[in-house]
């Protein structure tokens, strides 16, 4: 089976209402499609990178799906303190050695939150309405501790209020009659978030005691130049994460500032070729085009640098 690029929602500010829409929790994880051709299961992310070896607990999904073949769409999620944690799932997704992967599988459990099916029993089902695809999922899947079906809610506004109280990320709104558009993005699928978050490029770093302690971040303009959007030094990273990043960025040091306009220089600034992607959440944009109260969520190597644009929302 040739991997495909999944259907993406567009960001909206107003939650749609009415019987034509269902709402789902927006899980803060890694988008992952699972493929079973009758012989083996493969896991492939939205960047079309194979991640099968990194999640051994999901390599026998076929035992819990009553189909001779399938393609499932969902989100891989890791939890911390009862809430989805992007930082924790990226710990799993960044591992490479079989020893560290096997150890992490026992220390950082994941859940595959499945919300759609594209292919079943040797037939494409993308032309079916969403509500029929979901019924097919319900008929085929036997939920497990690491395999859940995403729940539908009829009232997106009520769901948004509920998850806001729990400090979660947001909601996804989908038309019940929507077909699945491979490599598509339109308003039949929408997302509404509590706070803003983006994937940004690291264009520079600052140091304290010879260790990176802050990131200078940017997004690409349509003309290919890098626009400075602010710096961030707070987040969920511990000392080990900062040490690892300090060693890693030495491969990308450049002399010239990569930003279109040189940002206000911070102490001990070092410029980088903008290739490392980080997920960052923030409260709002300032009038000057920078982020207010940015918080680093974690490195995001699964996201291509070309996706880090000013138009990504």
Protein backbone atom coordinates (compact mmCIF):
# COMPACT_ATOMS: atom_id res chain seq x y z
CA UNK A 1 0.00 0.00 0.00
CA UNK A 2 1.35 3.40 -0.97
CA UNK A 3 1.17 5.87 1.98
CA UNK A 4 -1.05 8.91 1.51
CA UNK A 5 -1.13 12.43 2.94
CA UNK A 6 -4.17 12.74 5.25
CA UNK A 7 -7.13 15.12 5.17
CA UNK A 8 -6.43 18.23 7.29
CA UNK A 9 -8.86 20.59 9.09
CA UNK A 10 -8.78 24.36 8.70
CA UNK A 11 -8.60 26.68 11.70
CA UNK A 12 -11.75 28.67 12.54
CA UNK A 13 -12.80 31.16 15.22
CA UNK A 14 -16.53 30.36 15.31
CA UNK A 15 -17.75 26.86 16.17
CA UNK A 16 -20.44 25.64 13.72
CA UNK A 17 -23.71 24.37 15.17
CA UNK A 18 -26.54 22.18 13.94
CA UNK A 19 -27.24 18.55 13.05
CA UNK A 20 -24.83 18.63 10.10
CA UNK A 21 -21.84 18.76 12.46
CA UNK A 22 -20.19 16.52 15.03
CA UNK A 23 -17.42 17.53 17.43
CA UNK A 24 -14.41 15.56 18.66
CA UNK A 25 -11.66 16.25 21.17
CA UNK A 26 -8.49 17.53 19.49
CA UNK A 27 -5.81 15.22 20.84
CA UNK A 28 -2.36 16.79 21.19
CA UNK A 29 -0.32 14.02 19.63
CA UNK A 30 1.19 12.79 16.36
CA UNK A 31 -1.02 12.16 13.32
CA UNK A 32 -0.53 8.57 12.22
CA UNK A 33 -2.07 6.35 9.56
CA UNK A 34 -1.92 2.57 9.95
CA UNK A 35 -1.83 0.26 6.92
CA UNK A 36 -2.56 -3.47 6.83
CA UNK A 37 -2.27 -5.31 3.52
CA UNK A 38 -3.14 -8.74 4.85
CA UNK A 39 0.41 -9.60 5.89
CA UNK A 40 1.81 -6.82 8.09
CA UNK A 41 0.93 -3.53 9.77
CA UNK A 42 2.79 -0.32 8.91
CA UNK A 43 2.59 3.03 10.68
CA UNK A 44 3.29 6.13 8.59
CA UNK A 45 3.10 9.76 9.73
CA UNK A 46 1.76 12.75 7.82
CA UNK A 47 5.24 13.43 6.48
CA UNK A 48 5.16 9.93 4.93
CA UNK A 49 7.88 8.64 7.27
CA UNK A 50 7.60 5.06 8.44
CA UNK A 51 7.24 4.82 12.22
CA UNK A 52 6.35 1.12 12.55
CA UNK A 53 9.43 0.11 14.53
CA UNK A 54 8.96 2.94 17.05
CA UNK A 55 5.61 1.67 18.32
CA UNK A 56 5.89 -2.12 18.83
CA UNK A 57 2.60 -2.26 20.74
CA UNK A 58 0.74 -1.31 17.54
CA UNK A 59 2.37 -3.78 15.18
CA UNK A 60 -0.49 -6.28 15.64
CA UNK A 61 -3.44 -3.92 15.10
CA UNK A 62 -4.85 -6.43 12.63
CA UNK A 63 -5.69 -8.71 15.57
CA UNK A 64 -8.22 -6.12 16.75
CA UNK A 65 -9.67 -5.08 13.40
CA UNK A 66 -11.98 -7.54 11.64
CA UNK A 67 -10.90 -6.66 8.11
CA UNK A 68 -8.69 -8.49 5.64
CA UNK A 69 -6.99 -5.15 4.90
CA UNK A 70 -7.36 -1.59 6.14
CA UNK A 71 -6.08 1.96 6.35
CA UNK A 72 -6.92 3.74 9.60
CA UNK A 73 -6.42 7.43 10.41
CA UNK A 74 -5.83 8.66 13.94
CA UNK A 75 -3.61 10.34 16.49
CA UNK A 76 -0.92 8.74 18.65
CA UNK A 77 -1.19 10.23 22.14
CA UNK A 78 0.87 9.98 25.32
CA UNK A 79 -0.49 11.23 28.62
CA UNK A 80 0.97 13.13 31.57
CA UNK A 81 -1.09 13.89 34.66
CA UNK A 82 -4.18 12.64 32.87
CA UNK A 83 -3.84 14.98 29.88
CA UNK A 84 -2.33 14.53 26.40
CA UNK A 85 1.31 15.63 26.35
CA UNK A 86 3.06 16.58 23.11
CA UNK A 87 6.35 16.51 25.01
CA UNK A 88 5.81 12.88 26.06
CA UNK A 89 4.74 11.61 22.64
CA UNK A 90 7.78 13.24 21.05
CA UNK A 91 9.98 11.30 23.48
CA UNK A 92 8.58 8.15 21.87
CA UNK A 93 8.61 9.42 18.30
CA UNK A 94 12.25 10.53 18.39
CA UNK A 95 13.69 7.17 19.47
CA UNK A 96 15.67 5.01 17.05
CA UNK A 97 17.51 2.18 18.79
CA UNK A 98 15.49 -0.98 19.42
CA UNK A 99 16.65 -1.09 23.04
CA UNK A 100 15.45 2.44 23.83
CA UNK A 101 12.19 1.82 21.96
CA UNK A 102 11.42 -1.34 23.95
CA UNK A 103 12.23 0.44 27.22
CA UNK A 104 10.08 3.48 26.33
CA UNK A 105 7.14 1.23 25.43
CA UNK A 106 6.97 0.21 29.09
CA UNK A 107 7.66 3.69 30.51
CA UNK A 108 5.65 5.94 28.17
CA UNK A 109 2.46 4.12 27.14
CA UNK A 110 0.64 5.46 24.10
CA UNK A 111 -2.93 5.29 22.86
CA UNK A 112 -3.91 5.21 19.19
CA UNK A 113 -7.00 7.43 18.94
CA UNK A 114 -8.62 6.29 15.69
CA UNK A 115 -11.15 8.62 14.07
CA UNK A 116 -11.46 7.47 10.45
CA UNK A 117 -11.08 4.58 8.02
CA UNK A 118 -10.06 5.02 4.38
CA UNK A 119 -9.75 1.45 3.13
CA UNK A 120 -11.33 -1.80 4.27
CA UNK A 121 -11.45 -5.35 2.88
CA UNK A 122 -9.58 -4.35 -0.28
CA UNK A 123 -11.90 -1.43 -1.06
CA UNK A 124 -11.56 2.35 -0.73
CA UNK A 125 -14.29 3.86 1.45
CA UNK A 126 -13.23 7.52 1.20
CA UNK A 127 -16.33 8.35 -0.88
CA UNK A 128 -18.68 7.26 1.91
CA UNK A 129 -20.07 9.99 4.21
CA UNK A 130 -18.19 10.38 7.46
CA UNK A 131 -21.05 8.99 9.53
CA UNK A 132 -21.00 5.75 7.48
CA UNK A 133 -17.21 5.43 7.76
CA UNK A 134 -17.52 5.81 11.52
CA UNK A 135 -20.15 3.07 11.64
CA UNK A 136 -17.81 0.84 9.67
CA UNK A 137 -15.05 1.60 12.17
CA UNK A 138 -17.33 0.68 15.04
CA UNK A 139 -18.21 -2.60 13.35
CA UNK A 140 -14.60 -3.55 12.63
CA UNK A 141 -12.57 -2.34 15.63
CA UNK A 142 -12.36 -4.01 19.04
CA UNK A 143 -11.05 -1.29 21.40
CA UNK A 144 -8.01 -2.10 23.56
CA UNK A 145 -6.11 -0.17 26.28
CA UNK A 146 -3.87 1.22 23.52
CA UNK A 147 -6.57 1.42 20.80
CA UNK A 148 -9.56 3.73 21.20
CA UNK A 149 -12.23 5.04 18.84
CA UNK A 150 -12.62 8.81 19.04
CA UNK A 151 -16.02 9.78 20.45
CA UNK A 152 -18.50 12.08 18.68
CA UNK A 153 -20.33 14.91 20.49
CA UNK A 154 -23.35 16.72 19.04
CA UNK A 155 -22.61 20.11 20.63
CA UNK A 156 -19.22 21.56 19.72
CA UNK A 157 -19.62 24.62 21.92
CA UNK A 158 -20.41 22.51 25.00
CA UNK A 159 -17.45 20.22 24.26
CA UNK A 160 -15.16 23.22 23.88
CA UNK A 161 -16.24 24.58 27.26
CA UNK A 162 -15.65 21.19 28.88
CA UNK A 163 -12.15 20.68 27.52
CA UNK A 164 -11.26 24.32 28.25
CA UNK A 165 -11.93 23.59 31.92
CA UNK A 166 -9.56 20.62 31.69
CA UNK A 167 -6.78 22.61 30.04
CA UNK A 168 -6.77 20.58 26.84
CA UNK A 169 -5.98 21.74 23.31
CA UNK A 170 -9.23 22.24 21.43
CA UNK A 171 -11.93 20.58 19.35
CA UNK A 172 -12.30 19.24 15.81
CA UNK A 173 -15.59 19.88 13.97
CA UNK A 174 -16.61 17.67 11.04
CA UNK A 175 -19.57 17.58 8.69
CA UNK A 176 -21.37 14.25 9.06
CA UNK A 177 -21.69 13.98 5.27
CA UNK A 178 -18.03 14.77 4.51
CA UNK A 179 -16.09 12.49 2.20
CA UNK A 180 -12.41 11.91 3.00
CA UNK A 181 -10.24 14.11 0.80
CA UNK A 182 -6.77 12.57 0.49
CA UNK A 183 -4.05 15.26 0.54
CA UNK A 184 -6.81 17.82 1.05
CA UNK A 185 -7.65 20.65 3.43
CA UNK A 186 -11.02 22.42 3.47
CA UNK A 187 -13.74 23.64 5.83
CA UNK A 188 -15.68 20.36 5.95
CA UNK A 189 -13.18 19.59 8.73
CA UNK A 190 -12.42 22.46 11.11
CA UNK A 191 -10.41 23.01 14.29
CA UNK A 192 -10.96 25.45 17.13
CA UNK A 193 -8.22 25.82 19.73
CA UNK A 194 -8.06 27.21 23.24
CA UNK A 195 -4.66 28.80 22.70
CA UNK A 196 -2.65 29.34 19.58
CA UNK A 197 0.11 26.96 18.65
CA UNK A 198 2.35 26.76 15.63
CA UNK A 199 5.36 24.93 14.28
CA UNK A 200 8.26 27.35 13.96
CA UNK A 201 11.88 27.24 12.80
CA UNK A 202 14.82 27.87 15.10
CA UNK A 203 16.89 30.65 13.52
CA UNK A 204 19.12 31.31 16.51
CA UNK A 205 19.83 30.43 20.11
CA UNK A 206 21.19 32.13 23.19
CA UNK A 207 23.41 30.63 25.87
CA UNK A 208 23.81 30.64 29.60
CA UNK A 209 26.80 28.86 31.15
CA UNK A 210 27.63 27.33 27.75
CA UNK A 211 24.17 25.76 27.41
CA UNK A 212 21.35 26.88 25.11
CA UNK A 213 18.64 28.56 27.18
CA UNK A 214 16.46 30.34 24.61
CA UNK A 215 15.32 29.91 21.00
CA UNK A 216 14.90 32.66 18.40
CA UNK A 217 11.99 31.55 16.24
CA UNK A 218 10.73 32.34 12.78
CA UNK A 219 8.22 31.50 10.06
CA UNK A 220 8.73 31.54 6.30
CA UNK A 221 7.26 34.32 4.18
CA UNK A 222 5.83 33.54 0.74
CA UNK A 223 9.05 34.93 -0.79
CA UNK A 224 11.15 32.39 1.12
CA UNK A 225 12.57 34.78 3.72
CA UNK A 226 12.46 33.97 7.43
CA UNK A 227 10.33 36.31 9.54
CA UNK A 228 11.24 36.68 13.23
CA UNK A 229 8.28 35.94 15.53
CA UNK A 230 9.93 36.08 18.94
CA UNK A 231 12.05 34.06 21.34
CA UNK A 232 11.11 31.43 23.88
CA UNK A 233 12.99 29.90 26.78
CA UNK A 234 10.25 28.37 28.90
CA UNK A 235 8.49 25.07 28.44
CA UNK A 236 8.49 21.45 29.50
CA UNK A 237 12.15 20.80 28.75
CA UNK A 238 14.51 19.70 31.49
CA UNK A 239 18.29 20.10 31.71
CA UNK A 240 18.87 16.93 29.68
CA UNK A 241 16.75 18.29 26.81
CA UNK A 242 18.66 21.57 26.74
CA UNK A 243 22.00 19.72 26.81
CA UNK A 244 20.90 17.54 23.90
CA UNK A 245 19.77 20.57 21.90
CA UNK A 246 23.04 22.40 22.67
CA UNK A 247 25.00 19.54 21.12
CA UNK A 248 22.64 19.13 18.17
CA UNK A 249 22.57 22.77 17.00
CA UNK A 250 26.35 22.91 16.60
CA UNK A 251 25.80 21.18 13.24
CA UNK A 252 23.81 24.15 11.93
CA UNK A 253 25.73 27.22 13.12
CA UNK A 254 26.02 29.99 10.51
CA UNK A 255 27.65 33.42 10.64
CA UNK A 256 24.91 35.45 8.99
CA UNK A 257 21.53 36.17 10.56
CA UNK A 258 18.91 34.00 8.76
CA UNK A 259 16.00 36.34 9.53
CA UNK A 260 14.74 38.87 6.97
CA UNK A 261 15.33 41.64 9.51
CA UNK A 262 17.81 41.18 12.34
CA UNK A 263 15.85 40.86 15.60
CA UNK A 264 16.84 42.73 18.76
CA UNK A 265 20.05 40.98 19.74
CA UNK A 266 20.04 39.02 22.95
CA UNK A 267 23.15 38.20 24.93
CA UNK A 268 25.34 35.44 23.45
CA UNK A 269 23.18 35.00 20.33
CA UNK A 270 24.29 32.31 17.86
CA UNK A 271 22.67 32.09 14.41
CA UNK A 272 21.51 28.77 12.94
CA UNK A 273 20.51 27.51 9.54
CA UNK A 274 16.70 27.22 9.99
CA UNK A 275 16.18 23.47 9.80
CA UNK A 276 15.03 22.49 13.30
CA UNK A 277 11.27 22.65 13.90
CA UNK A 278 9.71 23.27 17.32
CA UNK A 279 6.12 23.36 18.45
CA UNK A 280 5.34 26.46 20.49
CA UNK A 281 2.09 27.64 22.08
CA UNK A 282 1.34 31.29 22.86
CA UNK A 283 -1.44 33.57 23.99
CA UNK A 284 -1.78 35.90 21.00
CA UNK A 285 0.12 37.89 18.36
CA UNK A 286 1.41 41.31 19.38
CA UNK A 287 0.89 44.32 17.06
CA UNK A 288 4.55 43.92 16.10
CA UNK A 289 4.01 40.38 14.83
CA UNK A 290 5.68 38.49 17.67
CA UNK A 291 4.23 35.92 20.06
CA UNK A 292 2.97 36.94 23.48
CA UNK A 293 3.93 34.52 26.29
CA UNK A 294 5.36 31.72 24.10
CA UNK A 295 5.92 28.29 25.66
CA UNK A 296 8.04 25.57 24.04
CA UNK A 297 6.10 22.31 23.67
CA UNK A 298 8.95 20.31 22.15
CA UNK A 299 11.00 19.62 19.04
CA UNK A 300 8.89 18.40 16.12
CA UNK A 301 11.12 16.47 13.71
CA UNK A 302 8.02 14.91 12.12
CA UNK A 303 7.06 18.31 10.64
CA UNK A 304 8.84 19.44 7.44
CA UNK A 305 10.54 22.85 7.55
CA UNK A 306 8.52 24.01 4.53
CA UNK A 307 5.33 23.74 6.61
CA UNK A 308 6.53 26.48 8.96
CA UNK A 309 4.93 29.40 7.14
CA UNK A 310 3.05 32.50 8.16
CA UNK A 311 0.00 30.98 6.47
CA UNK A 312 0.08 27.64 8.34
CA UNK A 313 -2.95 28.43 10.53
